[in-house]
Amino acid sequence: MKYKISNAYINVNGEDIAVGAVLGEEDKPQSPYRTEYVTNSEYEKGLKEFRYGKQQIGDCVHHCITRFKNFTATCPIKQKWIDELEKMGYDISKLKYEIAK
């Protein structure tokens, strides 16, 4: 089981939006070392399937997936993060971005 150690954010015009979870090492609930980022919906599903555990420590790091300045992404972004913003109710039609390969 991997445990959450922090939130993952997308910054849109200066506003941080928590879109995911940062997971630590397998079977080490006190490990501050990141192994992967998952979306909020994937994290919630993983909690129900006992693949992920709730946060027990914080790594004191701000994890930013990408930044949007004037609604334009500063780097390519994976589609799953855009999909997560849409699931959360954000108007993604205003965002300009390139999908990471």
N, C-alpha and C. Protein backbone atom coordinates (compact mmCIF):
# COMPACT_ATOMS: atom_id res chain seq x y z
N MET A 1 0.84 -1.17 0.00
CA MET A 1 0.00 0.00 0.00
C MET A 1 0.89 1.24 0.00
N LYS A 2 0.51 2.23 -0.81
CA LYS A 2 1.21 3.51 -0.83
C LYS A 2 0.38 4.53 -0.07
N TYR A 3 1.06 5.45 0.58
CA TYR A 3 0.38 6.44 1.40
C TYR A 3 0.56 7.84 0.83
N LYS A 4 -0.48 8.64 0.99
CA LYS A 4 -0.43 10.02 0.53
C LYS A 4 0.54 10.81 1.42
N ILE A 5 1.37 11.64 0.78
CA ILE A 5 2.28 12.48 1.55
C ILE A 5 2.03 13.97 1.30
N SER A 6 1.24 14.30 0.28
CA SER A 6 0.97 15.70 -0.02
C SER A 6 -0.10 15.79 -1.10
N ASN A 7 -0.50 17.02 -1.41
CA ASN A 7 -1.39 17.29 -2.53
C ASN A 7 -0.58 17.68 -3.75
N ALA A 8 -1.14 17.47 -4.93
CA ALA A 8 -0.54 17.92 -6.18
C ALA A 8 -1.47 19.00 -6.74
N TYR A 9 -0.88 20.09 -7.23
CA TYR A 9 -1.64 21.25 -7.65
C TYR A 9 -1.42 21.61 -9.11
N ILE A 10 -2.43 22.26 -9.67
CA ILE A 10 -2.29 22.98 -10.93
C ILE A 10 -2.54 24.44 -10.57
N ASN A 11 -1.67 25.31 -11.02
CA ASN A 11 -1.79 26.73 -10.73
C ASN A 11 -2.36 27.42 -11.97
N VAL A 12 -3.53 28.03 -11.81
CA VAL A 12 -4.18 28.75 -12.91
C VAL A 12 -4.22 30.23 -12.54
N ASN A 13 -3.43 31.00 -13.25
CA ASN A 13 -3.38 32.46 -13.04
C ASN A 13 -3.18 32.83 -11.58
N GLY A 14 -2.30 32.10 -10.89
CA GLY A 14 -1.97 32.41 -9.51
C GLY A 14 -2.79 31.67 -8.47
N GLU A 15 -3.81 30.93 -8.87
CA GLU A 15 -4.64 30.17 -7.93
C GLU A 15 -4.26 28.70 -7.97
N ASP A 16 -3.90 28.15 -6.80
CA ASP A 16 -3.57 26.73 -6.71
C ASP A 16 -4.83 25.90 -6.57
N ILE A 17 -4.95 24.88 -7.40
CA ILE A 17 -6.09 23.96 -7.37
C ILE A 17 -5.55 22.56 -7.09
N ALA A 18 -5.97 21.97 -5.99
CA ALA A 18 -5.52 20.62 -5.63
C ALA A 18 -6.23 19.61 -6.53
N VAL A 19 -5.48 19.02 -7.46
CA VAL A 19 -6.06 18.09 -8.43
C VAL A 19 -5.63 16.65 -8.20
N GLY A 20 -4.70 16.43 -7.27
CA GLY A 20 -4.22 15.07 -7.09
C GLY A 20 -3.51 14.87 -5.77
N ALA A 21 -2.98 13.66 -5.63
CA ALA A 21 -2.25 13.26 -4.43
C ALA A 21 -0.84 12.83 -4.82
N VAL A 22 0.07 13.08 -3.92
CA VAL A 22 1.45 12.63 -4.08
C VAL A 22 1.61 11.41 -3.19
N LEU A 23 2.06 10.31 -3.77
CA LEU A 23 2.18 9.06 -3.02
C LEU A 23 3.63 8.76 -2.67
N GLY A 24 3.81 8.17 -1.49
CA GLY A 24 5.14 7.79 -1.02
C GLY A 24 5.47 6.36 -1.41
N GLU A 25 6.50 5.84 -0.77
CA GLU A 25 7.01 4.50 -1.08
C GLU A 25 6.05 3.40 -0.61
N GLU A 26 6.07 2.29 -1.30
CA GLU A 26 5.24 1.13 -1.00
C GLU A 26 5.50 0.62 0.42
N ASP A 27 4.40 0.46 1.19
CA ASP A 27 4.43 -0.10 2.54
C ASP A 27 5.32 0.66 3.52
N LYS A 28 5.51 1.96 3.27
CA LYS A 28 6.28 2.80 4.19
C LYS A 28 5.46 4.05 4.49
N PRO A 29 4.53 3.96 5.46
CA PRO A 29 3.64 5.08 5.73
C PRO A 29 4.34 6.35 6.21
N GLN A 30 5.55 6.25 6.71
CA GLN A 30 6.29 7.41 7.20
C GLN A 30 7.33 7.93 6.21
N SER A 31 7.37 7.37 5.02
CA SER A 31 8.36 7.79 4.02
C SER A 31 7.98 9.12 3.37
N PRO A 32 8.90 10.08 3.35
CA PRO A 32 8.61 11.36 2.70
C PRO A 32 9.01 11.38 1.21
N TYR A 33 9.40 10.24 0.66
CA TYR A 33 9.91 10.20 -0.71
C TYR A 33 8.79 9.90 -1.71
N ARG A 34 8.63 10.80 -2.68
CA ARG A 34 7.59 10.68 -3.69
C ARG A 34 7.90 9.56 -4.66
N THR A 35 6.86 8.78 -4.99
CA THR A 35 7.00 7.76 -6.02
C THR A 35 6.12 8.06 -7.23
N GLU A 36 4.96 8.72 -7.00
CA GLU A 36 4.08 9.02 -8.13
C GLU A 36 3.02 10.05 -7.77
N TYR A 37 2.44 10.63 -8.82
CA TYR A 37 1.30 11.53 -8.69
C TYR A 37 0.08 10.81 -9.24
N VAL A 38 -1.04 10.91 -8.53
CA VAL A 38 -2.31 10.37 -9.04
C VAL A 38 -3.37 11.45 -8.89
N THR A 39 -4.38 11.40 -9.75
CA THR A 39 -5.48 12.36 -9.67
C THR A 39 -6.30 12.11 -8.41
N ASN A 40 -7.09 13.10 -8.01
CA ASN A 40 -7.96 12.94 -6.84
C ASN A 40 -8.91 11.76 -7.00
N SER A 41 -9.49 11.61 -8.20
CA SER A 41 -10.44 10.51 -8.41
C SER A 41 -9.73 9.15 -8.34
N GLU A 42 -8.51 9.05 -8.86
CA GLU A 42 -7.75 7.80 -8.77
C GLU A 42 -7.38 7.51 -7.31
N TYR A 43 -7.01 8.54 -6.57
CA TYR A 43 -6.67 8.36 -5.15
C TYR A 43 -7.88 7.86 -4.35
N GLU A 44 -9.05 8.47 -4.58
CA GLU A 44 -10.26 8.05 -3.87
C GLU A 44 -10.62 6.60 -4.20
N LYS A 45 -10.48 6.24 -5.46
CA LYS A 45 -10.74 4.86 -5.88
C LYS A 45 -9.74 3.91 -5.21
N GLY A 46 -8.46 4.30 -5.18
CA GLY A 46 -7.42 3.49 -4.54
C GLY A 46 -7.63 3.30 -3.05
N LEU A 47 -8.19 4.32 -2.38
CA LEU A 47 -8.51 4.19 -0.95
C LEU A 47 -9.55 3.08 -0.74
N LYS A 48 -10.56 3.07 -1.59
CA LYS A 48 -11.63 2.08 -1.47
C LYS A 48 -11.16 0.67 -1.81
N GLU A 49 -10.12 0.57 -2.63
CA GLU A 49 -9.57 -0.74 -3.02
C GLU A 49 -8.38 -1.13 -2.13
N PHE A 50 -8.08 -0.34 -1.12
CA PHE A 50 -6.97 -0.57 -0.20
C PHE A 50 -5.61 -0.63 -0.89
N ARG A 51 -5.48 0.10 -2.01
CA ARG A 51 -4.18 0.24 -2.67
C ARG A 51 -3.42 1.43 -2.10
N TYR A 52 -4.17 2.44 -1.64
CA TYR A 52 -3.59 3.66 -1.08
C TYR A 52 -4.10 3.86 0.34
N GLY A 53 -3.26 4.51 1.14
CA GLY A 53 -3.64 4.83 2.51
C GLY A 53 -3.69 6.34 2.69
N LYS A 54 -4.39 6.78 3.72
CA LYS A 54 -4.52 8.21 4.01
C LYS A 54 -3.19 8.79 4.46
N GLN A 55 -3.10 10.10 4.35
CA GLN A 55 -1.87 10.81 4.69
C GLN A 55 -1.52 10.63 6.17
N GLN A 56 -0.26 10.27 6.43
CA GLN A 56 0.23 10.11 7.80
C GLN A 56 1.33 11.11 8.11
N ILE A 57 2.03 11.57 7.08
CA ILE A 57 3.03 12.62 7.24
C ILE A 57 2.88 13.59 6.08
N GLY A 58 3.56 14.72 6.17
CA GLY A 58 3.61 15.67 5.07
C GLY A 58 5.06 15.85 4.66
N ASP A 59 5.31 16.05 3.39
CA ASP A 59 6.70 16.18 2.95
C ASP A 59 7.15 17.64 2.86
N CYS A 60 6.26 18.58 3.24
CA CYS A 60 6.60 20.01 3.26
C CYS A 60 7.07 20.53 1.90
N VAL A 61 6.57 19.96 0.83
CA VAL A 61 6.93 20.37 -0.52
C VAL A 61 5.66 20.76 -1.25
N HIS A 62 5.74 21.82 -2.06
CA HIS A 62 4.61 22.21 -2.90
C HIS A 62 4.79 21.54 -4.26
N HIS A 63 3.93 20.58 -4.57
CA HIS A 63 4.02 19.82 -5.82
C HIS A 63 3.10 20.47 -6.85
N CYS A 64 3.67 21.03 -7.91
CA CYS A 64 2.90 21.70 -8.94
C CYS A 64 3.03 20.92 -10.25
N ILE A 65 1.89 20.44 -10.75
CA ILE A 65 1.87 19.68 -12.00
C ILE A 65 2.22 20.59 -13.17
N THR A 66 1.57 21.76 -13.23
CA THR A 66 1.88 22.78 -14.24
C THR A 66 1.27 24.10 -13.81
N ARG A 67 1.67 25.15 -14.51
CA ARG A 67 1.13 26.48 -14.29
C ARG A 67 0.50 27.00 -15.57
N PHE A 68 -0.59 27.73 -15.39
CA PHE A 68 -1.23 28.43 -16.49
C PHE A 68 -1.09 29.92 -16.23
N LYS A 69 -0.52 30.65 -17.19
CA LYS A 69 -0.44 32.11 -17.11
C LYS A 69 -1.33 32.65 -18.22
N ASN A 70 -2.26 33.51 -17.85
CA ASN A 70 -3.25 34.00 -18.82
C ASN A 70 -3.95 32.83 -19.52
N PHE A 71 -4.25 31.81 -18.73
CA PHE A 71 -4.95 30.60 -19.18
C PHE A 71 -4.16 29.76 -20.17
N THR A 72 -2.85 29.99 -20.30
CA THR A 72 -2.00 29.22 -21.21
C THR A 72 -0.97 28.45 -20.40
N ALA A 73 -0.88 27.14 -20.63
CA ALA A 73 0.06 26.29 -19.89
C ALA A 73 1.49 26.65 -20.22
N THR A 74 2.34 26.64 -19.19
CA THR A 74 3.75 26.96 -19.39
C THR A 74 4.56 25.76 -19.87
N CYS A 75 3.96 24.57 -19.83
CA CYS A 75 4.61 23.36 -20.33
C CYS A 75 3.52 22.34 -20.70
N PRO A 76 3.87 21.31 -21.47
CA PRO A 76 2.87 20.29 -21.82
C PRO A 76 2.33 19.59 -20.57
N ILE A 77 1.09 19.14 -20.65
CA ILE A 77 0.41 18.52 -19.51
C ILE A 77 -0.29 17.25 -19.97
N LYS A 78 -0.32 16.25 -19.10
CA LYS A 78 -1.02 15.01 -19.44
C LYS A 78 -2.53 15.23 -19.43
N GLN A 79 -3.21 14.55 -20.31
CA GLN A 79 -4.66 14.70 -20.45
C GLN A 79 -5.40 14.37 -19.16
N LYS A 80 -4.89 13.44 -18.36
CA LYS A 80 -5.60 13.04 -17.14
C LYS A 80 -5.78 14.21 -16.17
N TRP A 81 -4.86 15.18 -16.20
CA TRP A 81 -4.98 16.34 -15.29
C TRP A 81 -6.06 17.30 -15.79
N ILE A 82 -6.15 17.47 -17.09
CA ILE A 82 -7.21 18.31 -17.67
C ILE A 82 -8.56 17.66 -17.40
N ASP A 83 -8.64 16.34 -17.57
CA ASP A 83 -9.87 15.60 -17.29
C ASP A 83 -10.29 15.75 -15.83
N GLU A 84 -9.31 15.73 -14.93
CA GLU A 84 -9.61 15.87 -13.50
C GLU A 84 -10.17 17.26 -13.19
N LEU A 85 -9.59 18.29 -13.80
CA LEU A 85 -10.13 19.64 -13.61
C LEU A 85 -11.60 19.70 -14.06
N GLU A 86 -11.88 19.06 -15.18
CA GLU A 86 -13.25 19.05 -15.69
C GLU A 86 -14.18 18.30 -14.74
N LYS A 87 -13.73 17.15 -14.19
CA LYS A 87 -14.54 16.39 -13.22
C LYS A 87 -14.83 17.21 -11.98
N MET A 88 -13.90 18.10 -11.65
CA MET A 88 -14.05 18.93 -10.46
C MET A 88 -14.95 20.14 -10.72
N GLY A 89 -15.38 20.31 -11.98
CA GLY A 89 -16.33 21.37 -12.31
C GLY A 89 -15.72 22.64 -12.87
N TYR A 90 -14.44 22.61 -13.20
CA TYR A 90 -13.80 23.80 -13.77
C TYR A 90 -14.10 23.91 -15.26
N ASP A 91 -14.17 25.16 -15.74
CA ASP A 91 -14.41 25.44 -17.15
C ASP A 91 -13.08 25.34 -17.89
N ILE A 92 -12.81 24.18 -18.45
CA ILE A 92 -11.52 23.97 -19.12
C ILE A 92 -11.49 24.56 -20.53
N SER A 93 -12.63 25.04 -21.02
CA SER A 93 -12.67 25.61 -22.37
C SER A 93 -11.81 26.87 -22.47
N LYS A 94 -11.52 27.52 -21.35
CA LYS A 94 -10.70 28.73 -21.34
C LYS A 94 -9.20 28.42 -21.39
N LEU A 95 -8.84 27.18 -21.09
CA LEU A 95 -7.43 26.82 -20.97
C LEU A 95 -6.82 26.47 -22.33
N LYS A 96 -5.60 26.94 -22.53
CA LYS A 96 -4.83 26.60 -23.73
C LYS A 96 -3.64 25.77 -23.27
N TYR A 97 -3.48 24.60 -23.87
CA TYR A 97 -2.43 23.69 -23.42
C TYR A 97 -2.03 22.73 -24.53
N GLU A 98 -0.88 22.14 -24.33
CA GLU A 98 -0.38 21.09 -25.23
C GLU A 98 -0.36 19.79 -24.42
N ILE A 99 -0.82 18.71 -25.01
CA ILE A 99 -0.85 17.41 -24.32
C ILE A 99 0.55 16.80 -24.36
N ALA A 100 1.03 16.39 -23.18
CA ALA A 100 2.35 15.73 -23.08
C ALA A 100 2.25 14.33 -23.66
N LYS A 101 3.33 13.91 -24.27
CA LYS A 101 3.37 12.57 -24.89
C LYS A 101 3.92 11.55 -23.94
